[in-house]
Amino acid sequence: MFAAQPVLHLDKEILSWAKVVALAWALLYLVFTFDQTLRDKIEMAWGAAGAFRPPRRDDLPAADRARP
């Protein structure tokens, strides 16, 4: 970001958002690097959360999708 600033001529607000995004990306990279099973934990949490919501129309068998 800092190296590209003179070339891109970003204003301060855009540069500050770019810093936030870059910092968030770096933190996520470190978290995923240190915890190799994090992806499995996230998928398990999404699956558990999905158990409490009604099924989407795409999740239903084809015969049930045709019903109104």
N, C-alpha and C. Protein backbone atom coordinates (compact mmCIF):
# COMPACT_ATOMS: atom_id res chain seq x y z
N MET A 1 0.82 -1.18 0.00
CA MET A 1 0.00 0.00 0.00
C MET A 1 0.86 1.25 0.00
N PHE A 2 1.84 1.24 0.87
CA PHE A 2 2.66 2.44 0.98
C PHE A 2 3.53 2.63 -0.26
N ALA A 3 3.96 1.54 -0.86
CA ALA A 3 4.79 1.63 -2.06
C ALA A 3 3.96 2.10 -3.26
N ALA A 4 2.71 1.72 -3.30
CA ALA A 4 1.85 2.09 -4.43
C ALA A 4 1.22 3.47 -4.27
N GLN A 5 1.26 4.05 -3.09
CA GLN A 5 0.62 5.34 -2.85
C GLN A 5 1.10 6.44 -3.80
N PRO A 6 2.40 6.62 -4.03
CA PRO A 6 2.82 7.68 -4.95
C PRO A 6 2.35 7.45 -6.39
N VAL A 7 2.20 6.22 -6.78
CA VAL A 7 1.79 5.91 -8.15
C VAL A 7 0.27 6.04 -8.30
N LEU A 8 -0.49 5.54 -7.33
CA LEU A 8 -1.94 5.52 -7.43
C LEU A 8 -2.60 6.82 -7.00
N HIS A 9 -1.92 7.64 -6.21
CA HIS A 9 -2.45 8.92 -5.73
C HIS A 9 -3.80 8.74 -5.03
N LEU A 10 -3.84 7.82 -4.09
CA LEU A 10 -5.06 7.56 -3.34
C LEU A 10 -5.26 8.65 -2.29
N ASP A 11 -6.52 9.04 -2.07
CA ASP A 11 -6.76 10.01 -1.00
C ASP A 11 -6.68 9.30 0.35
N LYS A 12 -6.69 10.08 1.42
CA LYS A 12 -6.45 9.51 2.75
C LYS A 12 -7.52 8.51 3.17
N GLU A 13 -8.78 8.75 2.80
CA GLU A 13 -9.85 7.85 3.20
C GLU A 13 -9.69 6.48 2.53
N ILE A 14 -9.41 6.46 1.25
CA ILE A 14 -9.23 5.19 0.54
C ILE A 14 -7.98 4.48 1.06
N LEU A 15 -6.93 5.23 1.32
CA LEU A 15 -5.71 4.63 1.85
C LEU A 15 -5.95 4.02 3.23
N SER A 16 -6.74 4.68 4.05
CA SER A 16 -7.01 4.12 5.38
C SER A 16 -7.84 2.85 5.27
N TRP A 17 -8.82 2.80 4.35
CA TRP A 17 -9.58 1.57 4.14
C TRP A 17 -8.69 0.46 3.59
N ALA A 18 -7.78 0.81 2.72
CA ALA A 18 -6.86 -0.19 2.18
C ALA A 18 -5.98 -0.76 3.29
N LYS A 19 -5.57 0.08 4.22
CA LYS A 19 -4.78 -0.39 5.36
C LYS A 19 -5.59 -1.37 6.22
N VAL A 20 -6.85 -1.04 6.45
CA VAL A 20 -7.71 -1.91 7.26
C VAL A 20 -7.89 -3.26 6.58
N VAL A 21 -8.15 -3.24 5.28
CA VAL A 21 -8.34 -4.49 4.53
C VAL A 21 -7.05 -5.31 4.53
N ALA A 22 -5.93 -4.67 4.34
CA ALA A 22 -4.65 -5.38 4.33
C ALA A 22 -4.35 -5.98 5.70
N LEU A 23 -4.66 -5.25 6.76
CA LEU A 23 -4.43 -5.76 8.10
C LEU A 23 -5.35 -6.95 8.39
N ALA A 24 -6.61 -6.84 8.00
CA ALA A 24 -7.55 -7.96 8.20
C ALA A 24 -7.10 -9.19 7.43
N TRP A 25 -6.65 -8.99 6.19
CA TRP A 25 -6.17 -10.11 5.39
C TRP A 25 -4.95 -10.77 6.05
N ALA A 26 -4.04 -9.96 6.56
CA ALA A 26 -2.85 -10.51 7.22
C ALA A 26 -3.23 -11.29 8.48
N LEU A 27 -4.18 -10.77 9.25
CA LEU A 27 -4.60 -11.48 10.46
C LEU A 27 -5.28 -12.80 10.12
N LEU A 28 -6.14 -12.79 9.11
CA LEU A 28 -6.78 -14.05 8.70
C LEU A 28 -5.74 -15.06 8.21
N TYR A 29 -4.76 -14.59 7.47
CA TYR A 29 -3.69 -15.47 6.99
C TYR A 29 -2.96 -16.10 8.17
N LEU A 30 -2.63 -15.30 9.17
CA LEU A 30 -1.93 -15.83 10.34
C LEU A 30 -2.79 -16.82 11.11
N VAL A 31 -4.06 -16.51 11.28
CA VAL A 31 -4.95 -17.41 12.01
C VAL A 31 -5.07 -18.75 11.29
N PHE A 32 -5.26 -18.70 9.97
CA PHE A 32 -5.37 -19.95 9.21
C PHE A 32 -4.04 -20.71 9.18
N THR A 33 -2.93 -20.01 9.25
CA THR A 33 -1.63 -20.66 9.26
C THR A 33 -1.39 -21.37 10.59
N PHE A 34 -1.74 -20.72 11.69
CA PHE A 34 -1.50 -21.31 13.01
C PHE A 34 -2.48 -22.41 13.35
N ASP A 35 -3.72 -22.29 12.89
CA ASP A 35 -4.74 -23.29 13.23
C ASP A 35 -5.18 -23.99 11.94
N GLN A 36 -4.56 -25.11 11.65
CA GLN A 36 -4.83 -25.83 10.40
C GLN A 36 -6.25 -26.41 10.37
N THR A 37 -6.87 -26.60 11.51
CA THR A 37 -8.21 -27.19 11.56
C THR A 37 -9.31 -26.13 11.60
N LEU A 38 -8.96 -24.87 11.45
CA LEU A 38 -9.94 -23.80 11.54
C LEU A 38 -11.01 -23.92 10.45
N ARG A 39 -10.60 -24.30 9.26
CA ARG A 39 -11.56 -24.46 8.16
C ARG A 39 -12.61 -25.53 8.52
N ASP A 40 -12.17 -26.64 9.12
CA ASP A 40 -13.10 -27.68 9.53
C ASP A 40 -14.05 -27.17 10.62
N LYS A 41 -13.52 -26.38 11.54
CA LYS A 41 -14.35 -25.83 12.61
C LYS A 41 -15.41 -24.88 12.04
N ILE A 42 -15.03 -24.05 11.08
CA ILE A 42 -15.98 -23.12 10.46
C ILE A 42 -17.05 -23.88 9.70
N GLU A 43 -16.65 -24.89 8.95
CA GLU A 43 -17.64 -25.69 8.21
C GLU A 43 -18.60 -26.41 9.16
N MET A 44 -18.08 -26.89 10.29
CA MET A 44 -18.94 -27.55 11.26
C MET A 44 -19.92 -26.55 11.88
N ALA A 45 -19.46 -25.33 12.16
CA ALA A 45 -20.34 -24.31 12.72
C ALA A 45 -21.43 -23.91 11.73
N TRP A 46 -21.07 -23.78 10.44
CA TRP A 46 -22.09 -23.46 9.42
C TRP A 46 -23.10 -24.60 9.29
N GLY A 47 -22.63 -25.82 9.38
CA GLY A 47 -23.53 -26.97 9.32
C GLY A 47 -24.48 -27.01 10.51
N ALA A 48 -23.95 -26.70 11.68
CA ALA A 48 -24.79 -26.68 12.87
C ALA A 48 -25.81 -25.55 12.79
N ALA A 49 -25.40 -24.41 12.30
CA ALA A 49 -26.33 -23.29 12.15
C ALA A 49 -27.39 -23.60 11.11
N GLY A 50 -27.02 -24.33 10.07
CA GLY A 50 -27.96 -24.70 9.02
C GLY A 50 -29.02 -25.68 9.49
N ALA A 51 -28.74 -26.40 10.56
CA ALA A 51 -29.71 -27.35 11.08
C ALA A 51 -30.91 -26.65 11.70
N PHE A 52 -30.75 -25.39 12.07
CA PHE A 52 -31.83 -24.65 12.72
C PHE A 52 -32.62 -23.76 11.77
N ARG A 53 -32.27 -23.75 10.50
CA ARG A 53 -33.01 -22.93 9.54
C ARG A 53 -33.83 -23.85 8.65
N PRO A 54 -34.93 -23.34 8.12
CA PRO A 54 -35.71 -24.18 7.20
C PRO A 54 -34.90 -24.44 5.92
N PRO A 55 -35.12 -25.57 5.28
CA PRO A 55 -34.34 -25.88 4.07
C PRO A 55 -34.68 -24.91 2.95
N ARG A 56 -33.67 -24.57 2.17
CA ARG A 56 -33.89 -23.73 1.00
C ARG A 56 -34.53 -24.58 -0.07
N ARG A 57 -35.15 -23.94 -1.02
CA ARG A 57 -35.82 -24.65 -2.11
C ARG A 57 -34.82 -25.50 -2.90
N ASP A 58 -33.58 -25.03 -3.03
CA ASP A 58 -32.56 -25.79 -3.78
C ASP A 58 -32.12 -27.05 -3.04
N ASP A 59 -32.29 -27.06 -1.71
CA ASP A 59 -31.87 -28.21 -0.91
C ASP A 59 -32.88 -29.35 -0.93
N LEU A 60 -34.10 -29.05 -1.38
CA LEU A 60 -35.15 -30.06 -1.38
C LEU A 60 -34.99 -31.03 -2.55
N PRO A 61 -35.51 -32.24 -2.42
CA PRO A 61 -35.50 -33.17 -3.57
C PRO A 61 -36.34 -32.60 -4.72
N ALA A 62 -36.07 -33.05 -5.91
CA ALA A 62 -36.72 -32.50 -7.10
C ALA A 62 -38.25 -32.63 -7.03
N ALA A 63 -38.76 -33.72 -6.49
CA ALA A 63 -40.22 -33.92 -6.41
C ALA A 63 -40.85 -32.87 -5.49
N ASP A 64 -40.17 -32.50 -4.41
CA ASP A 64 -40.72 -31.52 -3.48
C ASP A 64 -40.59 -30.09 -4.00
N ARG A 65 -39.61 -29.84 -4.89
CA ARG A 65 -39.45 -28.49 -5.44
C ARG A 65 -40.61 -28.13 -6.35
N ALA A 66 -41.22 -29.11 -6.97
CA ALA A 66 -42.32 -28.84 -7.91
C ALA A 66 -43.59 -28.44 -7.18
N ARG A 67 -43.69 -28.78 -5.91
CA ARG A 67 -44.89 -28.45 -5.13
C ARG A 67 -44.90 -26.97 -4.77
N PRO A 68 -46.09 -26.36 -4.76
CA PRO A 68 -46.15 -24.93 -4.38
C PRO A 68 -45.98 -24.71 -2.90
